[in-house]
Amino acid sequence: MNLSRPEEGVNAWYYIGLVLILEIFYILNAVLKKDDEKLQTIGDVIAIVYGILIIWEIFTTKTDLADKLLFPSPSYILSLLISELPELLKGTVSSFQLLFAGYFLALALAIPLALVIGWKKRLYKAVNPLTKVLGPIPPIVYIPYAIAILPTFKAASIFIIFIGAFWPVFINTLNGVFNVDKRIIDSAKALSVSEGSMLFQVILPATLPSIISGATVGLVMSFILLTAAEMIGATSGLGWYVKYFSDFADYPRVIVGIIFIGVVVTGVTFYQIK
């Protein structure tokens, strides 16, 4: 692990260049789509980002109010982020292996299970109260038991991610099925549609907005739990990266890790939150 500090002489150019590249990319995207409202929003967001960065830069380089160890300048953080990219990308691959295993397992179980339970009115009334008790329990409380009971840290992490993603997907899908327009169901019944076709060709498409909403929440929750689990017992990954350098009081790299995690989460959920 490289703990050296990168040269700071060209930090500002890195900083300015990256922001300009992002700005040009988003402006071109909005112009090509001829979306004036989006273009205006992009301009507002960029203005806010510039304002925050300028205040941060002044606060850390032009005053003595901030501890330089705890609050490095944004230009230094950017150059450090660039130098740490290989290590961060390696951590991303490690984290994604755990994330997608738990997340897609949750989708594979929660969606069909919620479809069946939501379709059976009596079963829905029996299960729905349980979701109000079990769903709000923070999955992070299961981490000590998962690590103690399951044979490997990888299995424990996948289980915790699974729990975190399962409940948002299951509850949203369950409510979506129960609230499907009765006229759609009556029309399908009038056509003598089989129960399997009713579930997967009629109710499933009608429930997709609820499923997507739950899947988005579940994905964000999965990232939170993944990071928390990695900070406790992992030897690689993005959460481990932050914890490792915090143990050495290397706060610039801690900030780099936090920013990179935010970028990764935004990138993964971008098309779902648009």
Protein backbone atom coordinates (compact mmCIF):
# COMPACT_ATOMS: atom_id res chain seq x y z
CA MET A 1 0.00 0.00 0.00
CA ASN A 2 1.47 3.33 -1.10
CA LEU A 3 1.23 6.00 1.63
CA SER A 4 3.25 8.66 -0.19
CA ARG A 5 1.84 12.08 -1.04
CA PRO A 6 1.61 13.14 -4.70
CA GLU A 7 3.21 16.29 -5.97
CA GLU A 8 1.01 19.34 -5.41
CA GLY A 9 2.50 21.66 -8.05
CA VAL A 10 -0.01 20.79 -10.75
CA ASN A 11 -2.95 19.97 -8.48
CA ALA A 12 -4.94 23.01 -9.54
CA TRP A 13 -4.68 22.03 -13.20
CA TYR A 14 -5.98 18.54 -12.43
CA TYR A 15 -8.76 20.13 -10.47
CA ILE A 16 -9.77 22.64 -13.12
CA GLY A 17 -9.40 20.14 -15.96
CA LEU A 18 -11.62 17.49 -14.42
CA VAL A 19 -14.38 19.94 -13.57
CA LEU A 20 -14.26 21.40 -17.09
CA ILE A 21 -14.46 17.93 -18.69
CA LEU A 22 -17.52 17.07 -16.59
CA GLU A 23 -19.10 20.41 -17.38
CA ILE A 24 -18.56 20.03 -21.14
CA PHE A 25 -19.91 16.47 -21.08
CA TYR A 26 -23.15 17.37 -19.34
CA ILE A 27 -23.71 20.53 -21.36
CA LEU A 28 -23.25 18.64 -24.63
CA ASN A 29 -25.63 15.96 -23.40
CA ALA A 30 -28.30 18.56 -22.66
CA VAL A 31 -27.72 20.50 -25.91
CA LEU A 32 -27.94 17.38 -28.08
CA LYS A 33 -31.20 16.44 -26.40
CA LYS A 34 -32.44 20.04 -26.77
CA ASP A 35 -33.54 20.07 -23.16
CA ASP A 36 -33.46 23.69 -22.00
CA GLU A 37 -34.74 22.89 -18.53
CA LYS A 38 -32.08 20.25 -18.01
CA LEU A 39 -29.42 22.62 -19.34
CA GLN A 40 -30.52 25.24 -16.82
CA THR A 41 -30.45 22.67 -14.02
CA ILE A 42 -26.94 21.59 -15.02
CA GLY A 43 -25.80 25.19 -14.93
CA ASP A 44 -27.25 25.63 -11.45
CA VAL A 45 -25.62 22.42 -10.18
CA ILE A 46 -22.25 23.39 -11.64
CA ALA A 47 -22.50 26.83 -10.04
CA ILE A 48 -23.18 25.26 -6.66
CA VAL A 49 -20.29 22.80 -7.07
CA TYR A 50 -17.92 25.59 -8.06
CA GLY A 51 -19.07 27.65 -5.07
CA ILE A 52 -18.47 24.77 -2.67
CA LEU A 53 -15.03 24.05 -4.13
CA ILE A 54 -13.99 27.72 -3.99
CA ILE A 55 -15.10 28.02 -0.36
CA TRP A 56 -13.32 24.75 0.44
CA GLU A 57 -10.14 25.93 -1.30
CA ILE A 58 -10.13 29.30 0.50
CA PHE A 59 -10.97 27.70 3.84
CA THR A 60 -8.09 25.21 3.60
CA THR A 61 -5.36 27.26 1.89
CA LYS A 62 -5.99 30.92 2.76
CA THR A 63 -6.95 30.65 6.42
CA ASP A 64 -5.63 28.94 9.54
CA LEU A 65 -9.07 27.83 10.68
CA ALA A 66 -8.74 24.25 9.41
CA ASP A 67 -6.38 21.52 10.50
CA LYS A 68 -4.42 20.70 7.34
CA LEU A 69 -4.32 17.03 8.29
CA LEU A 70 -8.09 16.74 8.66
CA PHE A 71 -9.07 19.20 5.92
CA PRO A 72 -6.73 19.08 2.90
CA SER A 73 -7.39 21.33 -0.06
CA PRO A 74 -9.69 20.13 -2.86
CA SER A 75 -6.89 20.44 -5.42
CA TYR A 76 -4.73 18.08 -3.35
CA ILE A 77 -7.64 15.68 -2.89
CA LEU A 78 -8.18 15.56 -6.65
CA SER A 79 -4.53 14.80 -7.44
CA LEU A 80 -4.53 12.16 -4.71
CA LEU A 81 -7.72 10.66 -6.14
CA ILE A 82 -6.04 10.35 -9.54
CA SER A 83 -2.94 8.69 -8.07
CA GLU A 84 -5.10 6.29 -6.03
CA LEU A 85 -7.37 5.26 -8.92
CA PRO A 86 -5.69 1.84 -9.50
CA GLU A 87 -6.17 0.90 -5.85
CA LEU A 88 -9.72 2.26 -5.80
CA LEU A 89 -10.69 0.39 -8.97
CA LYS A 90 -9.29 -2.82 -7.51
CA GLY A 91 -11.40 -2.21 -4.42
CA THR A 92 -14.46 -1.54 -6.59
CA VAL A 93 -14.12 -4.93 -8.29
CA SER A 94 -13.85 -6.65 -4.91
CA SER A 95 -16.86 -4.76 -3.53
CA PHE A 96 -19.01 -5.38 -6.60
CA GLN A 97 -18.49 -9.13 -6.35
CA LEU A 98 -20.15 -9.07 -2.93
CA LEU A 99 -22.69 -6.40 -3.81
CA PHE A 100 -24.19 -8.02 -6.88
CA ALA A 101 -24.23 -11.50 -5.36
CA GLY A 102 -26.37 -10.31 -2.44
CA TYR A 103 -28.40 -7.80 -4.42
CA PHE A 104 -29.43 -10.07 -7.29
CA LEU A 105 -30.17 -12.89 -4.88
CA ALA A 106 -32.56 -10.51 -3.10
CA LEU A 107 -34.23 -9.55 -6.39
CA ALA A 108 -34.56 -13.17 -7.45
CA LEU A 109 -36.33 -14.09 -4.21
CA ALA A 110 -38.22 -10.92 -3.27
CA ILE A 111 -40.00 -10.23 -6.57
CA PRO A 112 -41.63 -13.63 -7.25
CA LEU A 113 -42.39 -14.12 -3.54
CA ALA A 114 -44.09 -10.71 -3.31
CA LEU A 115 -46.05 -11.39 -6.51
CA VAL A 116 -47.50 -14.60 -5.10
CA ILE A 117 -48.21 -13.20 -1.61
CA GLY A 118 -49.68 -9.96 -2.97
CA TRP A 119 -51.96 -11.91 -5.30
CA LYS A 120 -53.35 -14.08 -2.48
CA LYS A 121 -55.45 -11.68 -0.42
CA ARG A 122 -55.56 -13.85 2.69
CA LEU A 123 -51.83 -14.47 2.57
CA TYR A 124 -51.19 -10.75 2.04
CA LYS A 125 -53.18 -9.86 5.16
CA ALA A 126 -51.17 -12.37 7.18
CA VAL A 127 -47.74 -11.33 5.89
CA ASN A 128 -48.18 -7.54 5.62
CA PRO A 129 -48.14 -6.92 9.43
CA LEU A 130 -44.90 -8.91 9.68
CA THR A 131 -43.23 -6.68 7.09
CA LYS A 132 -44.01 -3.67 9.28
CA VAL A 133 -42.11 -5.32 12.14
CA LEU A 134 -39.20 -6.97 10.31
CA GLY A 135 -38.70 -4.45 7.48
CA PRO A 136 -37.67 -1.44 9.62
CA ILE A 137 -35.01 -3.38 11.57
CA PRO A 138 -31.62 -1.96 10.45
CA PRO A 139 -29.84 -4.85 8.70
CA ILE A 140 -26.52 -3.67 10.11
CA VAL A 141 -27.50 -5.15 13.50
CA TYR A 142 -27.18 -8.61 11.94
CA ILE A 143 -23.51 -8.13 11.07
CA PRO A 144 -22.00 -9.54 14.32
CA TYR A 145 -24.16 -12.67 14.13
CA ALA A 146 -23.59 -13.13 10.40
CA ILE A 147 -19.82 -12.97 10.87
CA ALA A 148 -20.00 -15.34 13.87
CA ILE A 149 -22.33 -17.91 12.31
CA LEU A 150 -21.48 -18.02 8.61
CA PRO A 151 -18.24 -19.77 7.58
CA THR A 152 -16.57 -16.91 5.70
CA PHE A 153 -16.64 -13.13 5.70
CA LYS A 154 -17.72 -13.21 2.05
CA ALA A 155 -20.81 -15.30 2.92
CA ALA A 156 -21.61 -13.01 5.86
CA SER A 157 -21.35 -9.91 3.68
CA ILE A 158 -23.56 -11.39 0.96
CA PHE A 159 -26.15 -12.31 3.58
CA ILE A 160 -26.20 -8.79 5.07
CA ILE A 161 -26.48 -7.21 1.61
CA PHE A 162 -29.26 -9.67 0.77
CA ILE A 163 -31.24 -8.66 3.88
CA GLY A 164 -30.74 -4.96 3.17
CA ALA A 165 -31.96 -5.25 -0.43
CA PHE A 166 -34.69 -7.83 0.19
CA TRP A 167 -37.06 -5.78 2.35
CA PRO A 168 -37.32 -2.63 0.18
CA VAL A 169 -37.88 -4.74 -2.95
CA PHE A 170 -40.28 -7.14 -1.25
CA ILE A 171 -42.38 -4.47 0.50
CA ASN A 172 -42.63 -2.20 -2.56
CA THR A 173 -43.52 -5.11 -4.84
CA LEU A 174 -46.04 -6.45 -2.34
CA ASN A 175 -47.82 -3.12 -2.05
CA GLY A 176 -47.63 -2.64 -5.82
CA VAL A 177 -49.34 -5.98 -6.45
CA PHE A 178 -52.05 -5.33 -3.89
CA ASN A 179 -52.79 -1.90 -5.39
CA VAL A 180 -52.99 -2.99 -9.04
CA ASP A 181 -56.07 -1.51 -10.69
CA LYS A 182 -58.91 -4.02 -10.16
CA ARG A 183 -60.25 -3.28 -13.62
CA ILE A 184 -57.08 -4.71 -15.16
CA ILE A 185 -57.46 -7.89 -13.13
CA ASP A 186 -61.19 -8.19 -13.94
CA SER A 187 -60.47 -7.81 -17.65
CA ALA A 188 -57.84 -10.55 -17.49
CA LYS A 189 -60.20 -12.84 -15.60
CA ALA A 190 -62.89 -12.23 -18.22
CA LEU A 191 -60.44 -13.56 -20.82
CA SER A 192 -59.87 -16.70 -18.71
CA VAL A 193 -56.19 -15.95 -18.24
CA SER A 194 -54.35 -18.66 -16.28
CA GLU A 195 -52.95 -17.83 -12.84
CA GLY A 196 -49.36 -18.01 -14.08
CA SER A 197 -50.10 -15.66 -16.96
CA MET A 198 -52.02 -13.39 -14.59
CA LEU A 199 -49.00 -13.05 -12.31
CA PHE A 200 -46.23 -12.64 -14.87
CA GLN A 201 -47.99 -11.08 -17.88
CA VAL A 202 -50.58 -8.86 -16.21
CA ILE A 203 -49.66 -8.09 -12.60
CA LEU A 204 -45.87 -8.00 -13.04
CA PRO A 205 -45.92 -5.28 -15.75
CA ALA A 206 -48.45 -3.26 -13.73
CA THR A 207 -46.21 -3.52 -10.68
CA LEU A 208 -42.95 -2.53 -12.42
CA PRO A 209 -42.89 1.09 -11.11
CA SER A 210 -43.10 -0.21 -7.54
CA ILE A 211 -40.45 -2.85 -8.24
CA ILE A 212 -38.06 -0.30 -9.73
CA SER A 213 -38.61 2.04 -6.77
CA GLY A 214 -37.88 -0.75 -4.31
CA ALA A 215 -34.89 -1.95 -6.32
CA THR A 216 -33.37 1.54 -6.28
CA VAL A 217 -33.77 1.86 -2.52
CA GLY A 218 -32.46 -1.68 -2.10
CA LEU A 219 -29.38 -0.94 -4.19
CA VAL A 220 -28.49 2.16 -2.18
CA MET A 221 -29.08 0.24 1.06
CA SER A 222 -26.85 -2.54 -0.27
CA PHE A 223 -23.99 -0.07 -0.80
CA ILE A 224 -24.39 1.24 2.75
CA LEU A 225 -24.32 -2.26 4.23
CA LEU A 226 -21.48 -3.37 1.96
CA THR A 227 -19.33 -0.47 3.12
CA ALA A 228 -20.22 -1.08 6.76
CA ALA A 229 -19.43 -4.80 6.51
CA GLU A 230 -16.11 -4.15 4.75
CA MET A 231 -15.09 -1.70 7.46
CA ILE A 232 -15.56 -4.42 10.09
CA GLY A 233 -13.88 -7.52 8.71
CA ALA A 234 -12.73 -7.25 5.10
CA THR A 235 -9.21 -7.20 3.68
CA SER A 236 -10.20 -5.47 0.43
CA GLY A 237 -12.94 -3.30 -1.02
CA LEU A 238 -13.98 0.34 -0.83
CA GLY A 239 -15.17 0.21 2.78
CA TRP A 240 -11.93 -1.48 3.80
CA TYR A 241 -9.98 1.26 1.98
CA VAL A 242 -11.59 3.98 4.11
CA LYS A 243 -11.16 2.02 7.35
CA TYR A 244 -7.56 1.07 6.57
CA PHE A 245 -6.41 4.64 6.07
CA SER A 246 -8.46 5.97 8.97
CA ASP A 247 -6.47 3.60 11.21
CA PHE A 248 -3.30 5.35 9.97
CA ALA A 249 -4.91 8.80 10.40
CA ASP A 250 -4.43 9.35 6.66
CA TYR A 251 -7.50 11.56 6.33
CA PRO A 252 -6.81 12.78 2.78
CA ARG A 253 -7.17 9.19 1.56
CA VAL A 254 -10.21 8.73 3.77
CA ILE A 255 -11.81 11.71 1.99
CA VAL A 256 -10.75 10.28 -1.38
CA GLY A 257 -12.41 6.98 -0.48
CA ILE A 258 -15.63 8.71 0.61
CA ILE A 259 -15.79 10.78 -2.58
CA PHE A 260 -15.08 7.76 -4.78
CA ILE A 261 -17.79 5.71 -3.06
CA GLY A 262 -20.23 8.57 -3.70
CA VAL A 263 -19.24 8.63 -7.38
CA VAL A 264 -19.66 4.86 -7.69
CA VAL A 265 -23.09 4.88 -6.02
CA THR A 266 -24.23 7.75 -8.26
CA GLY A 267 -22.93 5.99 -11.35
CA VAL A 268 -24.66 2.71 -10.56
CA THR A 269 -28.01 4.32 -9.71
CA PHE A 270 -27.84 7.06 -12.39
CA TYR A 271 -30.37 5.60 -14.83
CA GLN A 272 -32.71 4.61 -12.03
CA ILE A 273 -32.87 8.04 -10.39
CA LYS A 274 -33.11 10.17 -13.54
